[in-house]
Amino acid sequence: MADSIQEFLNKNYTSAISLEDVAKRFFISKDYASHIFKEHTGSPLITYVIQKRMEKAEELLASTNKPIVEIALEMGYNDPNYFSFTFKKYHDMTPRQYRSRYREKDE
């Protein structure tokens, strides 16, 4: 079951997704979904989704010229400011700083 949940999240992490959505999708309680997912991955479900989003955002920031607002939307964040806040929380720098730093290393 945990593998199925992880596969579902890997395919849908850019969507607005909640623990409740996952529980309904797999016909289990939120508590059980949370428990088995954390036991399987070592990470809370929402943390896993955020990490997937941040990994993909890093890739897009480093390899494309897409505007940060567009990347935020692609990652499932309707509020680009919240995306930047979350990105900074995970990377200790803003998306703009990350892009600049990454590009400086390539040049």
N, C-alpha and C. Protein backbone atom coordinates (compact mmCIF):
# COMPACT_ATOMS: atom_id res chain seq x y z
N MET A 1 0.83 -1.20 0.00
CA MET A 1 0.00 0.00 0.00
C MET A 1 0.87 1.26 0.00
N ALA A 2 1.92 1.26 0.82
CA ALA A 2 2.79 2.43 0.90
C ALA A 2 3.48 2.69 -0.44
N ASP A 3 3.85 1.60 -1.13
CA ASP A 3 4.46 1.77 -2.46
C ASP A 3 3.48 2.44 -3.42
N SER A 4 2.23 2.05 -3.35
CA SER A 4 1.20 2.63 -4.23
C SER A 4 1.01 4.12 -3.91
N ILE A 5 1.01 4.46 -2.64
CA ILE A 5 0.87 5.86 -2.25
C ILE A 5 2.06 6.66 -2.75
N GLN A 6 3.26 6.11 -2.57
CA GLN A 6 4.47 6.80 -3.02
C GLN A 6 4.44 6.99 -4.54
N GLU A 7 4.03 5.99 -5.27
CA GLU A 7 3.93 6.09 -6.73
C GLU A 7 2.91 7.17 -7.12
N PHE A 8 1.79 7.18 -6.43
CA PHE A 8 0.76 8.20 -6.69
C PHE A 8 1.32 9.60 -6.45
N LEU A 9 2.05 9.78 -5.35
CA LEU A 9 2.63 11.09 -5.04
C LEU A 9 3.70 11.47 -6.06
N ASN A 10 4.49 10.52 -6.49
CA ASN A 10 5.53 10.80 -7.49
C ASN A 10 4.93 11.29 -8.80
N LYS A 11 3.75 10.82 -9.12
CA LYS A 11 3.08 11.22 -10.35
C LYS A 11 2.28 12.51 -10.20
N ASN A 12 1.89 12.84 -8.96
CA ASN A 12 0.94 13.94 -8.75
C ASN A 12 1.43 15.03 -7.81
N TYR A 13 2.71 15.08 -7.51
CA TYR A 13 3.21 16.03 -6.51
C TYR A 13 3.03 17.48 -6.91
N THR A 14 2.82 17.74 -8.20
CA THR A 14 2.62 19.13 -8.63
C THR A 14 1.16 19.57 -8.48
N SER A 15 0.30 18.66 -8.13
CA SER A 15 -1.11 19.00 -7.90
C SER A 15 -1.32 19.42 -6.46
N ALA A 16 -2.38 20.14 -6.23
CA ALA A 16 -2.77 20.45 -4.84
C ALA A 16 -3.23 19.13 -4.24
N ILE A 17 -2.44 18.59 -3.34
CA ILE A 17 -2.74 17.27 -2.80
C ILE A 17 -2.60 17.30 -1.28
N SER A 18 -3.50 16.62 -0.61
CA SER A 18 -3.47 16.62 0.84
C SER A 18 -3.52 15.17 1.35
N LEU A 19 -3.27 15.03 2.61
CA LEU A 19 -3.36 13.72 3.24
C LEU A 19 -4.78 13.17 3.08
N GLU A 20 -5.75 14.04 3.19
CA GLU A 20 -7.15 13.62 3.02
C GLU A 20 -7.38 13.09 1.60
N ASP A 21 -6.81 13.75 0.60
CA ASP A 21 -6.94 13.29 -0.79
C ASP A 21 -6.37 11.88 -0.95
N VAL A 22 -5.20 11.66 -0.36
CA VAL A 22 -4.54 10.36 -0.45
C VAL A 22 -5.40 9.30 0.24
N ALA A 23 -5.88 9.61 1.43
CA ALA A 23 -6.71 8.66 2.18
C ALA A 23 -7.96 8.28 1.38
N LYS A 24 -8.62 9.25 0.80
CA LYS A 24 -9.82 8.97 0.00
C LYS A 24 -9.47 8.12 -1.22
N ARG A 25 -8.38 8.45 -1.87
CA ARG A 25 -7.96 7.73 -3.08
C ARG A 25 -7.72 6.25 -2.80
N PHE A 26 -7.17 5.94 -1.63
CA PHE A 26 -6.83 4.57 -1.30
C PHE A 26 -7.81 3.92 -0.30
N PHE A 27 -8.90 4.64 -0.01
CA PHE A 27 -9.96 4.11 0.85
C PHE A 27 -9.43 3.68 2.22
N ILE A 28 -8.63 4.55 2.80
CA ILE A 28 -8.09 4.30 4.14
C ILE A 28 -8.23 5.58 4.95
N SER A 29 -8.02 5.48 6.25
CA SER A 29 -8.10 6.67 7.09
C SER A 29 -6.85 7.53 6.90
N LYS A 30 -6.98 8.81 7.22
CA LYS A 30 -5.82 9.72 7.14
C LYS A 30 -4.72 9.26 8.08
N ASP A 31 -5.09 8.83 9.28
CA ASP A 31 -4.08 8.37 10.24
C ASP A 31 -3.32 7.16 9.72
N TYR A 32 -4.03 6.23 9.13
CA TYR A 32 -3.38 5.03 8.61
C TYR A 32 -2.48 5.38 7.42
N ALA A 33 -2.97 6.23 6.53
CA ALA A 33 -2.15 6.66 5.38
C ALA A 33 -0.88 7.31 5.85
N SER A 34 -1.01 8.19 6.81
CA SER A 34 0.15 8.89 7.36
C SER A 34 1.12 7.92 8.00
N HIS A 35 0.60 7.00 8.78
CA HIS A 35 1.43 6.04 9.50
C HIS A 35 2.21 5.14 8.55
N ILE A 36 1.51 4.53 7.61
CA ILE A 36 2.21 3.58 6.74
C ILE A 36 3.18 4.28 5.80
N PHE A 37 2.85 5.50 5.39
CA PHE A 37 3.76 6.21 4.51
C PHE A 37 5.05 6.59 5.25
N LYS A 38 4.89 7.10 6.45
CA LYS A 38 6.07 7.48 7.23
C LYS A 38 6.90 6.25 7.60
N GLU A 39 6.25 5.17 7.91
CA GLU A 39 6.97 3.93 8.23
C GLU A 39 7.76 3.43 7.02
N HIS A 40 7.18 3.57 5.84
CA HIS A 40 7.79 3.09 4.60
C HIS A 40 8.94 3.99 4.12
N THR A 41 8.74 5.32 4.21
CA THR A 41 9.72 6.25 3.64
C THR A 41 10.58 6.95 4.68
N GLY A 42 10.11 6.95 5.93
CA GLY A 42 10.82 7.69 6.97
C GLY A 42 10.50 9.16 6.98
N SER A 43 9.56 9.55 6.13
CA SER A 43 9.22 10.97 5.99
C SER A 43 7.70 11.15 6.04
N PRO A 44 7.23 12.20 6.71
CA PRO A 44 5.79 12.49 6.65
C PRO A 44 5.37 12.77 5.21
N LEU A 45 4.15 12.44 4.90
CA LEU A 45 3.64 12.56 3.54
C LEU A 45 3.82 13.97 2.98
N ILE A 46 3.42 14.97 3.70
CA ILE A 46 3.51 16.34 3.18
C ILE A 46 4.96 16.76 2.99
N THR A 47 5.84 16.32 3.87
CA THR A 47 7.26 16.62 3.74
C THR A 47 7.80 15.99 2.46
N TYR A 48 7.37 14.78 2.18
CA TYR A 48 7.78 14.08 0.96
C TYR A 48 7.35 14.87 -0.28
N VAL A 49 6.11 15.32 -0.28
CA VAL A 49 5.59 16.10 -1.43
C VAL A 49 6.40 17.39 -1.60
N ILE A 50 6.65 18.09 -0.52
CA ILE A 50 7.41 19.34 -0.59
C ILE A 50 8.82 19.07 -1.10
N GLN A 51 9.45 18.00 -0.62
CA GLN A 51 10.80 17.67 -1.08
C GLN A 51 10.82 17.38 -2.58
N LYS A 52 9.83 16.65 -3.06
CA LYS A 52 9.74 16.37 -4.51
C LYS A 52 9.59 17.69 -5.28
N ARG A 53 8.75 18.57 -4.78
CA ARG A 53 8.55 19.86 -5.44
C ARG A 53 9.84 20.68 -5.45
N MET A 54 10.54 20.68 -4.33
CA MET A 54 11.78 21.47 -4.24
C MET A 54 12.87 20.90 -5.15
N GLU A 55 12.96 19.59 -5.25
CA GLU A 55 13.94 18.96 -6.14
C GLU A 55 13.68 19.36 -7.59
N LYS A 56 12.42 19.30 -8.00
CA LYS A 56 12.08 19.66 -9.38
C LYS A 56 12.27 21.16 -9.60
N ALA A 57 11.94 21.97 -8.62
CA ALA A 57 12.15 23.42 -8.73
C ALA A 57 13.63 23.73 -8.90
N GLU A 58 14.49 23.06 -8.14
CA GLU A 58 15.95 23.25 -8.28
C GLU A 58 16.36 22.98 -9.72
N GLU A 59 15.89 21.87 -10.24
CA GLU A 59 16.23 21.48 -11.61
C GLU A 59 15.78 22.55 -12.62
N LEU A 60 14.55 23.02 -12.47
CA LEU A 60 14.02 24.02 -13.40
C LEU A 60 14.75 25.35 -13.26
N LEU A 61 15.07 25.75 -12.04
CA LEU A 61 15.79 27.00 -11.83
C LEU A 61 17.18 26.95 -12.46
N ALA A 62 17.81 25.80 -12.37
CA ALA A 62 19.18 25.65 -12.86
C ALA A 62 19.25 25.44 -14.37
N SER A 63 18.21 24.87 -14.94
CA SER A 63 18.32 24.45 -16.34
C SER A 63 17.43 25.21 -17.32
N THR A 64 16.59 26.10 -16.81
CA THR A 64 15.70 26.85 -17.70
C THR A 64 15.73 28.33 -17.37
N ASN A 65 15.15 29.11 -18.25
CA ASN A 65 14.97 30.54 -18.00
C ASN A 65 13.53 30.87 -17.65
N LYS A 66 12.77 29.85 -17.28
CA LYS A 66 11.38 30.08 -16.93
C LYS A 66 11.31 31.06 -15.77
N PRO A 67 10.33 31.96 -15.81
CA PRO A 67 10.15 32.87 -14.67
C PRO A 67 9.83 32.08 -13.40
N ILE A 68 10.26 32.60 -12.28
CA ILE A 68 10.04 31.94 -10.99
C ILE A 68 8.54 31.75 -10.74
N VAL A 69 7.75 32.70 -11.15
CA VAL A 69 6.28 32.59 -10.98
C VAL A 69 5.77 31.36 -11.72
N GLU A 70 6.26 31.14 -12.92
CA GLU A 70 5.83 29.98 -13.71
C GLU A 70 6.27 28.68 -13.05
N ILE A 71 7.48 28.65 -12.54
CA ILE A 71 7.98 27.45 -11.83
C ILE A 71 7.12 27.19 -10.60
N ALA A 72 6.80 28.24 -9.87
CA ALA A 72 5.94 28.09 -8.69
C ALA A 72 4.62 27.44 -9.06
N LEU A 73 4.00 27.93 -10.11
CA LEU A 73 2.72 27.37 -10.56
C LEU A 73 2.86 25.92 -10.99
N GLU A 74 3.94 25.61 -11.71
CA GLU A 74 4.18 24.23 -12.14
C GLU A 74 4.37 23.28 -10.95
N MET A 75 4.89 23.79 -9.87
CA MET A 75 5.13 22.97 -8.69
C MET A 75 3.91 22.86 -7.79
N GLY A 76 2.80 23.48 -8.20
CA GLY A 76 1.57 23.35 -7.44
C GLY A 76 1.32 24.47 -6.44
N TYR A 77 2.12 25.52 -6.52
CA TYR A 77 1.95 26.66 -5.61
C TYR A 77 1.18 27.76 -6.35
N ASN A 78 0.00 28.08 -5.87
CA ASN A 78 -0.78 29.15 -6.48
C ASN A 78 -0.26 30.52 -6.07
N ASP A 79 0.49 30.57 -4.99
CA ASP A 79 1.04 31.83 -4.48
C ASP A 79 2.57 31.79 -4.63
N PRO A 80 3.11 32.53 -5.59
CA PRO A 80 4.56 32.53 -5.81
C PRO A 80 5.35 32.98 -4.58
N ASN A 81 4.76 33.84 -3.77
CA ASN A 81 5.45 34.28 -2.54
C ASN A 81 5.59 33.12 -1.56
N TYR A 82 4.57 32.29 -1.48
CA TYR A 82 4.65 31.13 -0.59
C TYR A 82 5.66 30.12 -1.12
N PHE A 83 5.71 29.97 -2.43
CA PHE A 83 6.73 29.12 -3.04
C PHE A 83 8.12 29.62 -2.66
N SER A 84 8.35 30.91 -2.80
CA SER A 84 9.67 31.48 -2.46
C SER A 84 9.98 31.30 -0.98
N PHE A 85 8.98 31.49 -0.13
CA PHE A 85 9.15 31.29 1.30
C PHE A 85 9.56 29.84 1.60
N THR A 86 8.85 28.90 0.98
CA THR A 86 9.14 27.48 1.20
C THR A 86 10.51 27.12 0.64
N PHE A 87 10.82 27.61 -0.54
CA PHE A 87 12.12 27.34 -1.15
C PHE A 87 13.24 27.84 -0.24
N LYS A 88 13.08 29.05 0.27
CA LYS A 88 14.11 29.62 1.14
C LYS A 88 14.25 28.81 2.43
N LYS A 89 13.16 28.32 2.94
CA LYS A 89 13.17 27.50 4.15
C LYS A 89 14.00 26.23 3.93
N TYR A 90 13.91 25.66 2.75
CA TYR A 90 14.63 24.42 2.44
C TYR A 90 16.06 24.65 1.97
N HIS A 91 16.35 25.80 1.39
CA HIS A 91 17.66 26.02 0.77
C HIS A 91 18.46 27.18 1.37
N ASP A 92 17.89 27.88 2.32
CA ASP A 92 18.55 29.04 2.93
C ASP A 92 18.89 30.12 1.91
N MET A 93 18.14 30.15 0.82
CA MET A 93 18.27 31.21 -0.17
C MET A 93 16.99 31.24 -1.01
N THR A 94 16.74 32.37 -1.62
CA THR A 94 15.55 32.52 -2.45
C THR A 94 15.76 31.78 -3.77
N PRO A 95 14.68 31.53 -4.51
CA PRO A 95 14.84 30.91 -5.84
C PRO A 95 15.75 31.75 -6.75
N ARG A 96 15.63 33.05 -6.68
CA ARG A 96 16.47 33.93 -7.52
C ARG A 96 17.95 33.77 -7.14
N GLN A 97 18.23 33.74 -5.84
CA GLN A 97 19.61 33.56 -5.39
C GLN A 97 20.14 32.18 -5.81
N TYR A 98 19.30 31.17 -5.70
CA TYR A 98 19.69 29.82 -6.10
C TYR A 98 20.06 29.80 -7.58
N ARG A 99 19.20 30.38 -8.41
CA ARG A 99 19.45 30.41 -9.85
C ARG A 99 20.75 31.15 -10.15
N SER A 100 20.94 32.28 -9.51
CA SER A 100 22.14 33.07 -9.72
C SER A 100 23.39 32.30 -9.29
N ARG A 101 23.35 31.69 -8.14
CA ARG A 101 24.50 30.94 -7.62
C ARG A 101 24.80 29.75 -8.51
N TYR A 102 23.79 29.06 -8.94
CA TYR A 102 24.00 27.88 -9.79
C TYR A 102 24.62 28.28 -11.11
N ARG A 103 24.13 29.36 -11.68
CA ARG A 103 24.64 29.81 -12.98
C ARG A 103 26.07 30.34 -12.88
N GLU A 104 26.41 30.94 -11.74
CA GLU A 104 27.79 31.44 -11.54
C GLU A 104 28.78 30.27 -11.57
N LYS A 105 28.37 29.12 -11.02
CA LYS A 105 29.25 27.94 -10.99
C LYS A 105 29.50 27.41 -12.39
N ASP A 106 28.50 27.54 -13.28
CA ASP A 106 28.64 27.02 -14.65
C ASP A 106 29.50 27.92 -15.52
N GLU A 107 29.61 29.18 -15.17
CA GLU A 107 30.32 30.13 -16.05
C GLU A 107 31.79 30.20 -15.75
